[in-house]
Amino acid sequence: MRPNLRSQIGKPRTEQRETKRRATSGEKGYRVVSVSLYSDQAQFIDDVANDLVRGGFTKANRSLVMQTAIECLRKELLEKSTADVVRSVLDYQVRRPLAAASSRSATPDVQGGRRESAK
């Protein structure tokens, strides 16, 4: 049984992790989780899985790539405080390149904050 998130608020991160470990110990099950990815991120995951297959890891797939990435992230963040985790995520998100803005010529003319009405 998964611990209630509200019961974890305010607890030290190490205590939260221990509670989660106890709740899942002995269970080797898995959950299907849906996530949203940008196209380039999804393509990268596919490319890595294909590289693994070409390299002889015939059972490689997207799930394996994502599980490996999550374990790398877990290893990096496991002993960090909540504030350090937030800082790490925010630092990365600030550095992440934004998608190219669409051309202004493709958007309706705007004057004074309002669209020009068709006459």
C-alpha atoms as a PDB file:
ATOM      1  CA  MET A   1       0.000   0.000   0.000  1.00  0.00           C
ATOM      2  CA  ARG A   2       1.330   3.417  -0.968  1.00  0.00           C
ATOM      3  CA  PRO A   3       1.756   5.937   1.861  1.00  0.00           C
ATOM      4  CA  ASN A   4      -0.591   8.906   1.787  1.00  0.00           C
ATOM      5  CA  LEU A   5       1.204  11.990   0.398  1.00  0.00           C
ATOM      6  CA  ARG A   6      -0.323  14.233   3.055  1.00  0.00           C
ATOM      7  CA  SER A   7       1.167  12.051   5.787  1.00  0.00           C
ATOM      8  CA  GLN A   8       4.610  12.614   4.255  1.00  0.00           C
ATOM      9  CA  ILE A   9       4.501  16.431   4.196  1.00  0.00           C
ATOM     10  CA  GLY A  10       6.894  17.922   6.696  1.00  0.00           C
ATOM     11  CA  LYS A  11       8.777  14.688   7.344  1.00  0.00           C
ATOM     12  CA  PRO A  12      12.494  14.599   6.609  1.00  0.00           C
ATOM     13  CA  ARG A  13      13.174  13.162   3.142  1.00  0.00           C
ATOM     14  CA  THR A  14      15.046  10.177   4.575  1.00  0.00           C
ATOM     15  CA  GLU A  15      12.035   9.278   6.724  1.00  0.00           C
ATOM     16  CA  GLN A  16       9.727   9.660   3.690  1.00  0.00           C
ATOM     17  CA  ARG A  17      11.951   7.307   1.678  1.00  0.00           C
ATOM     18  CA  GLU A  18      11.996   4.731   4.477  1.00  0.00           C
ATOM     19  CA  THR A  19       8.189   4.813   4.698  1.00  0.00           C
ATOM     20  CA  LYS A  20       7.952   4.243   0.936  1.00  0.00           C
ATOM     21  CA  ARG A  21      10.524   1.415   1.108  1.00  0.00           C
ATOM     22  CA  ARG A  22       8.559  -0.339   3.850  1.00  0.00           C
ATOM     23  CA  ALA A  23       5.332   0.060   1.898  1.00  0.00           C
ATOM     24  CA  THR A  24       6.793  -1.604  -1.183  1.00  0.00           C
ATOM     25  CA  SER A  25       9.193  -4.102   0.369  1.00  0.00           C
ATOM     26  CA  GLY A  26       8.503  -7.610  -0.778  1.00  0.00           C
ATOM     27  CA  GLU A  27       6.528  -6.366  -3.757  1.00  0.00           C
ATOM     28  CA  LYS A  28       8.183  -6.768  -7.118  1.00  0.00           C
ATOM     29  CA  GLY A  29       5.184  -5.450  -9.024  1.00  0.00           C
ATOM     30  CA  TYR A  30       5.102  -2.525 -11.368  1.00  0.00           C
ATOM     31  CA  ARG A  31       2.707   0.249 -12.319  1.00  0.00           C
ATOM     32  CA  VAL A  32       1.934   1.582 -15.737  1.00  0.00           C
ATOM     33  CA  VAL A  33       2.487   5.336 -15.650  1.00  0.00           C
ATOM     34  CA  SER A  34       1.615   7.715 -18.445  1.00  0.00           C
ATOM     35  CA  VAL A  35       3.858  10.761 -18.918  1.00  0.00           C
ATOM     36  CA  SER A  36       3.931  13.583 -21.442  1.00  0.00           C
ATOM     37  CA  LEU A  37       7.134  14.138 -23.381  1.00  0.00           C
ATOM     38  CA  TYR A  38       8.217  16.621 -25.995  1.00  0.00           C
ATOM     39  CA  SER A  39       8.723  15.094 -29.441  1.00  0.00           C
ATOM     40  CA  ASP A  40      12.506  15.428 -29.241  1.00  0.00           C
ATOM     41  CA  GLN A  41      12.530  13.663 -25.858  1.00  0.00           C
ATOM     42  CA  ALA A  42      10.404  10.782 -27.145  1.00  0.00           C
ATOM     43  CA  GLN A  43      12.624  10.478 -30.216  1.00  0.00           C
ATOM     44  CA  PHE A  44      15.725  10.390 -28.023  1.00  0.00           C
ATOM     45  CA  ILE A  45      14.266   7.527 -25.958  1.00  0.00           C
ATOM     46  CA  ASP A  46      13.484   5.617 -29.159  1.00  0.00           C
ATOM     47  CA  ASP A  47      17.004   6.293 -30.486  1.00  0.00           C
ATOM     48  CA  VAL A  48      18.627   4.987 -27.289  1.00  0.00           C
ATOM     49  CA  ALA A  49      16.441   1.858 -27.328  1.00  0.00           C
ATOM     50  CA  ASN A  50      17.352   1.257 -30.982  1.00  0.00           C
ATOM     51  CA  ASP A  51      21.054   1.745 -30.229  1.00  0.00           C
ATOM     52  CA  LEU A  52      20.792  -0.862 -27.472  1.00  0.00           C
ATOM     53  CA  VAL A  53      19.082  -3.333 -29.802  1.00  0.00           C
ATOM     54  CA  ARG A  54      21.714  -2.761 -32.503  1.00  0.00           C
ATOM     55  CA  GLY A  55      24.378  -3.226 -29.828  1.00  0.00           C
ATOM     56  CA  GLY A  56      23.068  -6.688 -29.008  1.00  0.00           C
ATOM     57  CA  PHE A  57      20.652  -5.921 -26.151  1.00  0.00           C
ATOM     58  CA  THR A  58      17.727  -7.486 -28.016  1.00  0.00           C
ATOM     59  CA  LYS A  59      15.154  -6.946 -25.272  1.00  0.00           C
ATOM     60  CA  ALA A  60      15.804  -3.198 -24.986  1.00  0.00           C
ATOM     61  CA  ASN A  61      12.746  -0.973 -25.236  1.00  0.00           C
ATOM     62  CA  ARG A  62      11.432   2.426 -24.130  1.00  0.00           C
ATOM     63  CA  SER A  63      10.549   1.110 -20.713  1.00  0.00           C
ATOM     64  CA  LEU A  64      14.101  -0.090 -20.081  1.00  0.00           C
ATOM     65  CA  VAL A  65      15.513   3.271 -21.177  1.00  0.00           C
ATOM     66  CA  MET A  66      13.132   5.197 -18.899  1.00  0.00           C
ATOM     67  CA  GLN A  67      13.761   2.868 -15.936  1.00  0.00           C
ATOM     68  CA  THR A  68      17.499   3.381 -16.383  1.00  0.00           C
ATOM     69  CA  ALA A  69      17.070   7.155 -16.589  1.00  0.00           C
ATOM     70  CA  ILE A  70      14.938   7.145 -13.428  1.00  0.00           C
ATOM     71  CA  GLU A  71      17.533   5.097 -11.548  1.00  0.00           C
ATOM     72  CA  CYS A  72      20.221   7.596 -12.600  1.00  0.00           C
ATOM     73  CA  LEU A  73      18.017  10.463 -11.362  1.00  0.00           C
ATOM     74  CA  ARG A  74      17.254   8.601  -8.138  1.00  0.00           C
ATOM     75  CA  LYS A  75      20.972   8.052  -7.524  1.00  0.00           C
ATOM     76  CA  GLU A  76      21.646  11.759  -8.077  1.00  0.00           C
ATOM     77  CA  LEU A  77      18.809  13.067  -5.875  1.00  0.00           C
ATOM     78  CA  LEU A  78      18.446  10.392  -3.173  1.00  0.00           C
ATOM     79  CA  GLU A  79      20.484  12.053  -0.438  1.00  0.00           C
ATOM     80  CA  LYS A  80      19.560  15.648  -1.288  1.00  0.00           C
ATOM     81  CA  SER A  81      17.250  17.714   0.872  1.00  0.00           C
ATOM     82  CA  THR A  82      13.881  18.810  -0.479  1.00  0.00           C
ATOM     83  CA  ALA A  83      15.271  22.298  -1.098  1.00  0.00           C
ATOM     84  CA  ASP A  84      18.219  20.845  -3.042  1.00  0.00           C
ATOM     85  CA  VAL A  85      15.896  18.675  -5.140  1.00  0.00           C
ATOM     86  CA  VAL A  86      13.752  21.714  -5.975  1.00  0.00           C
ATOM     87  CA  ARG A  87      16.857  23.751  -6.793  1.00  0.00           C
ATOM     88  CA  SER A  88      18.215  20.998  -9.063  1.00  0.00           C
ATOM     89  CA  VAL A  89      14.962  20.693 -10.992  1.00  0.00           C
ATOM     90  CA  LEU A  90      14.494  24.457 -11.304  1.00  0.00           C
ATOM     91  CA  ASP A  91      18.115  24.960 -12.392  1.00  0.00           C
ATOM     92  CA  TYR A  92      17.639  22.386 -15.129  1.00  0.00           C
ATOM     93  CA  GLN A  93      14.304  23.803 -16.273  1.00  0.00           C
ATOM     94  CA  VAL A  94      15.735  27.327 -16.468  1.00  0.00           C
ATOM     95  CA  ARG A  95      18.612  26.059 -18.653  1.00  0.00           C
ATOM     96  CA  ARG A  96      16.337  23.985 -20.911  1.00  0.00           C
ATOM     97  CA  PRO A  97      16.079  25.649 -24.326  1.00  0.00           C
ATOM     98  CA  LEU A  98      12.653  26.941 -25.195  1.00  0.00           C
ATOM     99  CA  ALA A  99      10.918  25.931 -28.387  1.00  0.00           C
ATOM    100  CA  ALA A 100      11.351  28.351 -31.254  1.00  0.00           C
ATOM    101  CA  ALA A 101       8.677  31.034 -31.254  1.00  0.00           C
ATOM    102  CA  SER A 102       6.311  31.073 -34.206  1.00  0.00           C
ATOM    103  CA  SER A 103       6.724  33.808 -36.778  1.00  0.00           C
ATOM    104  CA  ARG A 104       4.885  37.026 -35.960  1.00  0.00           C
ATOM    105  CA  SER A 105       3.635  37.139 -39.547  1.00  0.00           C
ATOM    106  CA  ALA A 106       1.648  33.973 -38.811  1.00  0.00           C
ATOM    107  CA  THR A 107      -0.269  35.624 -35.970  1.00  0.00           C
ATOM    108  CA  PRO A 108      -3.169  38.098 -36.318  1.00  0.00           C
ATOM    109  CA  ASP A 109      -2.324  41.791 -36.261  1.00  0.00           C
ATOM    110  CA  VAL A 110      -2.577  43.205 -32.772  1.00  0.00           C
ATOM    111  CA  GLN A 111      -2.900  46.888 -31.928  1.00  0.00           C
ATOM    112  CA  GLY A 112      -3.100  48.226 -28.411  1.00  0.00           C
ATOM    113  CA  GLY A 113      -3.457  44.729 -26.985  1.00  0.00           C
ATOM    114  CA  ARG A 114      -6.585  43.958 -29.066  1.00  0.00           C
ATOM    115  CA  ARG A 115      -7.042  42.128 -32.305  1.00  0.00           C
ATOM    116  CA  GLU A 116      -7.941  44.158 -35.325  1.00  0.00           C
ATOM    117  CA  SER A 117     -11.530  43.406 -36.185  1.00  0.00           C
ATOM    118  CA  ALA A 118     -12.255  42.279 -39.732  1.00  0.00           C
ATOM    119  CA  LYS A 119     -14.087  45.083 -41.549  1.00  0.00           C
END
